[in-house]
Amino acid sequence: MARRAGVSQAEAADELDRMVRQILSDLRAGKDAALPGLGKFTQGPNGRVAFQRDEGGPRG
């Protein structure tokens, strides 16, 4: 990931950590957390988190 982005491993790790914290913050606030081009995390009324893949997103 770091090599592809042209950043150091530490910078890539910091960015990944920031993204995970933002996803958790959004979910705790009752919001969906989108990953553009991939899908989104949603939290149900029972607190369970689910991932909904974008229809046009990459397959793998």
Protein backbone atom coordinates (compact mmCIF):
# COMPACT_ATOMS: atom_id res chain seq x y z
CA MET A 1 0.00 0.00 0.00
CA ALA A 2 2.76 2.42 0.93
CA ARG A 3 4.77 1.72 -2.20
CA ARG A 4 1.74 2.19 -4.48
CA ALA A 5 0.90 5.49 -2.80
CA GLY A 6 4.50 6.68 -2.86
CA VAL A 7 4.65 7.22 0.91
CA SER A 8 6.57 5.63 3.76
CA GLN A 9 5.16 2.64 5.63
CA ALA A 10 4.69 4.85 8.68
CA GLU A 11 2.67 7.37 6.68
CA ALA A 12 0.54 4.60 5.18
CA ALA A 13 -0.06 3.11 8.63
CA ASP A 14 -1.06 6.53 9.99
CA GLU A 15 -3.52 7.04 7.13
CA LEU A 16 -5.03 3.59 7.59
CA ASP A 17 -5.38 4.24 11.33
CA ARG A 18 -7.09 7.58 10.60
CA MET A 19 -9.55 5.88 8.24
CA VAL A 20 -10.43 3.16 10.76
CA ARG A 21 -10.95 5.76 13.51
CA GLN A 22 -13.25 7.74 11.19
CA ILE A 23 -15.27 4.64 10.30
CA LEU A 24 -15.71 3.79 13.98
CA SER A 25 -16.63 7.39 14.81
CA ASP A 26 -19.26 7.47 12.06
CA LEU A 27 -20.77 4.16 13.16
CA ARG A 28 -20.89 5.26 16.82
CA ALA A 29 -22.73 8.41 15.71
CA GLY A 30 -25.32 6.28 13.89
CA LYS A 31 -24.01 7.17 10.43
CA ASP A 32 -23.00 4.92 7.56
CA ALA A 33 -19.27 4.82 6.83
CA ALA A 34 -18.53 4.80 3.11
CA LEU A 35 -15.46 3.43 1.37
CA PRO A 36 -15.75 5.01 -2.09
CA GLY A 37 -15.64 2.44 -4.86
CA LEU A 38 -15.94 -0.46 -2.42
CA GLY A 39 -19.10 -0.07 -0.35
CA LYS A 40 -20.19 1.05 3.08
CA PHE A 41 -20.39 -0.11 6.67
CA THR A 42 -23.78 0.22 8.35
CA GLN A 43 -24.87 -0.47 11.90
CA GLY A 44 -28.20 -2.11 12.58
CA PRO A 45 -30.51 -1.41 15.51
CA ASN A 46 -29.00 -4.37 17.39
CA GLY A 47 -25.51 -2.81 17.11
CA ARG A 48 -24.32 -5.33 14.55
CA VAL A 49 -22.09 -3.90 11.80
CA ALA A 50 -22.53 -5.03 8.20
CA PHE A 51 -20.65 -4.22 4.99
CA GLN A 52 -22.62 -3.56 1.82
CA ARG A 53 -20.49 -3.84 -1.30
CA ASP A 54 -21.02 -1.34 -4.13
CA GLU A 55 -22.50 -3.07 -7.14
CA GLY A 56 -19.87 -1.56 -9.46
CA GLY A 57 -16.99 -2.14 -7.07
CA PRO A 58 -14.02 -4.40 -7.67
CA ARG A 59 -14.45 -8.12 -7.37
CA GLY A 60 -11.94 -10.35 -5.71
